[in-house]
Amino acid sequence: MADQSSPTATRASSSQQQEDEKEYEDLMSVMVDKLDSDDFMQELSAGFRLLSDEHTGLITPVSLLRGAATALGLHGMTAEEAEAMVKEGDTDGDGALNEAEFCVLMVRLSPGLMADAEALLDREIDVELNRVASHG
């Protein structure tokens, strides 16, 4: 059995994590392309429920770690990584993610989604500026 702390095991674990992250990014982009905004938000809500603690209704580091392994097949996540992810999205400082915090974090962590949102915002600003200029 290989020593999990060996450089080879560490590289393999890091490589698997990078592959898992790439698959996640690809899925987020595909979801956005295929779904309208209401359906996409429903999918994010379903993802939240998969990862949340059944007793608190919040995503905690423990529930994230459990859900990442069982529901998403991401077995390489460490407790420290789960804590860091929750901390990154925890805007109210309670040590857990509510559904709104989770949705904001998912959009922030997806470069493709951020670019799409920025392009949509730019387009809407242009429409509004043109409307004001033509009436004003």
C-alpha atoms as a PDB file:
ATOM      1  CA  MET A   1       0.000   0.000   0.000  1.00  0.00           C
ATOM      2  CA  ALA A   2       1.389   3.431  -0.962  1.00  0.00           C
ATOM      3  CA  ASP A   3       2.270   5.985   1.701  1.00  0.00           C
ATOM      4  CA  GLN A   4      -0.249   8.817   1.336  1.00  0.00           C
ATOM      5  CA  SER A   5       2.357  11.357   2.458  1.00  0.00           C
ATOM      6  CA  SER A   6       4.898  10.422  -0.228  1.00  0.00           C
ATOM      7  CA  PRO A   7       5.630  12.948  -2.999  1.00  0.00           C
ATOM      8  CA  THR A   8       4.101  10.564  -5.544  1.00  0.00           C
ATOM      9  CA  ALA A   9       0.885  10.206  -3.519  1.00  0.00           C
ATOM     10  CA  THR A  10       0.741  13.969  -2.986  1.00  0.00           C
ATOM     11  CA  ARG A  11       1.139  14.626  -6.725  1.00  0.00           C
ATOM     12  CA  ALA A  12      -1.518  12.029  -7.526  1.00  0.00           C
ATOM     13  CA  SER A  13      -3.904  13.556  -4.988  1.00  0.00           C
ATOM     14  CA  SER A  14      -3.215  17.057  -6.322  1.00  0.00           C
ATOM     15  CA  SER A  15      -3.677  15.846  -9.891  1.00  0.00           C
ATOM     16  CA  GLN A  16      -7.009  14.201  -9.001  1.00  0.00           C
ATOM     17  CA  GLN A  17      -8.169  17.368  -7.232  1.00  0.00           C
ATOM     18  CA  GLN A  18      -7.274  19.479 -10.286  1.00  0.00           C
ATOM     19  CA  GLU A  19      -9.192  17.040 -12.506  1.00  0.00           C
ATOM     20  CA  ASP A  20     -12.202  17.177 -10.143  1.00  0.00           C
ATOM     21  CA  GLU A  21     -12.111  21.002 -10.211  1.00  0.00           C
ATOM     22  CA  LYS A  22     -11.886  21.033 -14.027  1.00  0.00           C
ATOM     23  CA  GLU A  23     -14.891  18.710 -14.295  1.00  0.00           C
ATOM     24  CA  TYR A  24     -16.822  20.975 -11.912  1.00  0.00           C
ATOM     25  CA  GLU A  25     -16.028  24.096 -13.943  1.00  0.00           C
ATOM     26  CA  ASP A  26     -17.069  22.354 -17.151  1.00  0.00           C
ATOM     27  CA  LEU A  27     -20.365  21.230 -15.605  1.00  0.00           C
ATOM     28  CA  MET A  28     -21.176  24.717 -14.339  1.00  0.00           C
ATOM     29  CA  SER A  29     -20.631  26.181 -17.806  1.00  0.00           C
ATOM     30  CA  VAL A  30     -22.762  23.480 -19.416  1.00  0.00           C
ATOM     31  CA  MET A  31     -25.546  24.018 -16.879  1.00  0.00           C
ATOM     32  CA  VAL A  32     -25.626  27.751 -17.534  1.00  0.00           C
ATOM     33  CA  ASP A  33     -25.688  27.212 -21.300  1.00  0.00           C
ATOM     34  CA  LYS A  34     -28.535  24.666 -21.109  1.00  0.00           C
ATOM     35  CA  LEU A  35     -30.808  26.163 -18.445  1.00  0.00           C
ATOM     36  CA  ASP A  36     -32.673  29.422 -18.080  1.00  0.00           C
ATOM     37  CA  SER A  37     -31.960  31.434 -14.931  1.00  0.00           C
ATOM     38  CA  ASP A  38     -34.859  29.967 -12.915  1.00  0.00           C
ATOM     39  CA  ASP A  39     -33.859  26.390 -13.754  1.00  0.00           C
ATOM     40  CA  PHE A  40     -30.218  27.160 -12.979  1.00  0.00           C
ATOM     41  CA  MET A  41     -31.177  28.545  -9.555  1.00  0.00           C
ATOM     42  CA  GLN A  42     -33.239  25.408  -8.912  1.00  0.00           C
ATOM     43  CA  GLU A  43     -30.163  23.301  -9.731  1.00  0.00           C
ATOM     44  CA  LEU A  44     -28.037  25.374  -7.348  1.00  0.00           C
ATOM     45  CA  SER A  45     -30.709  24.881  -4.665  1.00  0.00           C
ATOM     46  CA  ALA A  46     -30.636  21.131  -5.254  1.00  0.00           C
ATOM     47  CA  GLY A  47     -26.840  21.207  -4.921  1.00  0.00           C
ATOM     48  CA  PHE A  48     -27.193  23.121  -1.669  1.00  0.00           C
ATOM     49  CA  ARG A  49     -29.565  20.484  -0.291  1.00  0.00           C
ATOM     50  CA  LEU A  50     -27.138  17.699  -1.248  1.00  0.00           C
ATOM     51  CA  LEU A  51     -24.344  19.349   0.716  1.00  0.00           C
ATOM     52  CA  SER A  52     -26.267  20.744   3.681  1.00  0.00           C
ATOM     53  CA  ASP A  53     -26.551  19.242   7.131  1.00  0.00           C
ATOM     54  CA  GLU A  54     -29.973  17.625   7.512  1.00  0.00           C
ATOM     55  CA  HIS A  55     -30.406  18.956  11.063  1.00  0.00           C
ATOM     56  CA  THR A  56     -29.331  22.585  10.610  1.00  0.00           C
ATOM     57  CA  GLY A  57     -30.191  23.099   6.942  1.00  0.00           C
ATOM     58  CA  LEU A  58     -26.788  24.757   6.485  1.00  0.00           C
ATOM     59  CA  ILE A  59     -23.584  23.665   4.785  1.00  0.00           C
ATOM     60  CA  THR A  60     -20.962  23.103   7.461  1.00  0.00           C
ATOM     61  CA  PRO A  61     -17.384  21.972   6.874  1.00  0.00           C
ATOM     62  CA  VAL A  62     -18.413  18.479   8.033  1.00  0.00           C
ATOM     63  CA  SER A  63     -21.483  18.294   5.767  1.00  0.00           C
ATOM     64  CA  LEU A  64     -19.463  19.675   2.842  1.00  0.00           C
ATOM     65  CA  LEU A  65     -16.781  17.044   3.336  1.00  0.00           C
ATOM     66  CA  ARG A  66     -19.403  14.277   3.581  1.00  0.00           C
ATOM     67  CA  GLY A  67     -21.416  15.547   0.621  1.00  0.00           C
ATOM     68  CA  ALA A  68     -18.365  16.107  -1.552  1.00  0.00           C
ATOM     69  CA  ALA A  69     -17.396  12.468  -1.113  1.00  0.00           C
ATOM     70  CA  THR A  70     -20.812  10.791  -1.257  1.00  0.00           C
ATOM     71  CA  ALA A  71     -22.887  12.984  -3.572  1.00  0.00           C
ATOM     72  CA  LEU A  72     -20.200  14.427  -5.814  1.00  0.00           C
ATOM     73  CA  GLY A  73     -17.538  11.706  -5.763  1.00  0.00           C
ATOM     74  CA  LEU A  74     -14.830  14.184  -4.703  1.00  0.00           C
ATOM     75  CA  HIS A  75     -12.975  11.940  -2.274  1.00  0.00           C
ATOM     76  CA  GLY A  76      -9.766  13.996  -2.186  1.00  0.00           C
ATOM     77  CA  MET A  77     -11.128  16.976  -0.226  1.00  0.00           C
ATOM     78  CA  THR A  78      -9.501  17.484   3.164  1.00  0.00           C
ATOM     79  CA  ALA A  79     -11.142  18.846   6.299  1.00  0.00           C
ATOM     80  CA  GLU A  80      -8.953  21.946   5.966  1.00  0.00           C
ATOM     81  CA  GLU A  81     -10.138  22.517   2.376  1.00  0.00           C
ATOM     82  CA  ALA A  82     -13.781  22.119   3.428  1.00  0.00           C
ATOM     83  CA  GLU A  83     -13.263  24.636   6.252  1.00  0.00           C
ATOM     84  CA  ALA A  84     -11.573  27.085   3.869  1.00  0.00           C
ATOM     85  CA  MET A  85     -14.409  26.796   1.321  1.00  0.00           C
ATOM     86  CA  VAL A  86     -17.075  27.419   3.943  1.00  0.00           C
ATOM     87  CA  LYS A  87     -15.088  30.313   5.396  1.00  0.00           C
ATOM     88  CA  GLU A  88     -14.704  31.878   1.934  1.00  0.00           C
ATOM     89  CA  GLY A  89     -18.452  32.022   1.388  1.00  0.00           C
ATOM     90  CA  ASP A  90     -19.549  32.666   4.980  1.00  0.00           C
ATOM     91  CA  THR A  91     -20.517  36.332   4.854  1.00  0.00           C
ATOM     92  CA  ASP A  92     -22.445  36.405   8.143  1.00  0.00           C
ATOM     93  CA  GLY A  93     -19.641  34.750  10.149  1.00  0.00           C
ATOM     94  CA  ASP A  94     -21.699  31.893  11.595  1.00  0.00           C
ATOM     95  CA  GLY A  95     -19.268  29.200  10.381  1.00  0.00           C
ATOM     96  CA  ALA A  96     -21.724  27.738   7.864  1.00  0.00           C
ATOM     97  CA  LEU A  97     -23.261  28.559   4.493  1.00  0.00           C
ATOM     98  CA  ASN A  98     -26.926  29.320   4.069  1.00  0.00           C
ATOM     99  CA  GLU A  99     -28.449  28.864   0.622  1.00  0.00           C
ATOM    100  CA  ALA A 100     -27.857  32.460  -0.504  1.00  0.00           C
ATOM    101  CA  GLU A 101     -24.194  32.352   0.574  1.00  0.00           C
ATOM    102  CA  PHE A 102     -23.765  29.043  -1.258  1.00  0.00           C
ATOM    103  CA  CYS A 103     -25.265  30.384  -4.497  1.00  0.00           C
ATOM    104  CA  VAL A 104     -23.111  33.517  -4.408  1.00  0.00           C
ATOM    105  CA  LEU A 105     -20.013  31.412  -3.735  1.00  0.00           C
ATOM    106  CA  MET A 106     -20.759  29.040  -6.626  1.00  0.00           C
ATOM    107  CA  VAL A 107     -21.099  31.934  -9.060  1.00  0.00           C
ATOM    108  CA  ARG A 108     -17.965  33.639  -7.710  1.00  0.00           C
ATOM    109  CA  LEU A 109     -15.920  30.443  -8.022  1.00  0.00           C
ATOM    110  CA  SER A 110     -16.902  29.848 -11.637  1.00  0.00           C
ATOM    111  CA  PRO A 111     -14.898  32.115 -13.956  1.00  0.00           C
ATOM    112  CA  GLY A 112     -17.230  31.324 -16.844  1.00  0.00           C
ATOM    113  CA  LEU A 113     -20.290  32.353 -14.854  1.00  0.00           C
ATOM    114  CA  MET A 114     -18.653  35.589 -13.755  1.00  0.00           C
ATOM    115  CA  ALA A 115     -17.720  36.433 -17.354  1.00  0.00           C
ATOM    116  CA  ASP A 116     -21.270  35.657 -18.521  1.00  0.00           C
ATOM    117  CA  ALA A 117     -22.750  37.788 -15.739  1.00  0.00           C
ATOM    118  CA  GLU A 118     -20.407  40.665 -16.573  1.00  0.00           C
ATOM    119  CA  ALA A 119     -21.286  40.474 -20.278  1.00  0.00           C
ATOM    120  CA  LEU A 120     -25.014  40.434 -19.456  1.00  0.00           C
ATOM    121  CA  LEU A 121     -24.612  43.415 -17.144  1.00  0.00           C
ATOM    122  CA  ASP A 122     -22.634  45.329 -19.793  1.00  0.00           C
ATOM    123  CA  ARG A 123     -25.339  44.591 -22.375  1.00  0.00           C
ATOM    124  CA  GLU A 124     -28.123  45.749 -20.038  1.00  0.00           C
ATOM    125  CA  ILE A 125     -26.200  48.941 -19.192  1.00  0.00           C
ATOM    126  CA  ASP A 126     -25.790  49.688 -22.906  1.00  0.00           C
ATOM    127  CA  VAL A 127     -29.516  49.142 -23.496  1.00  0.00           C
ATOM    128  CA  GLU A 128     -30.405  51.451 -20.617  1.00  0.00           C
ATOM    129  CA  LEU A 129     -27.914  54.145 -21.712  1.00  0.00           C
ATOM    130  CA  ASN A 130     -29.288  54.035 -25.261  1.00  0.00           C
ATOM    131  CA  ARG A 131     -32.847  54.258 -23.939  1.00  0.00           C
ATOM    132  CA  VAL A 132     -32.003  57.280 -21.771  1.00  0.00           C
ATOM    133  CA  ALA A 133     -30.062  58.969 -24.595  1.00  0.00           C
ATOM    134  CA  SER A 134     -32.925  58.535 -27.060  1.00  0.00           C
ATOM    135  CA  HIS A 135     -35.520  59.931 -24.622  1.00  0.00           C
ATOM    136  CA  GLY A 136     -33.478  62.528 -22.939  1.00  0.00           C
END
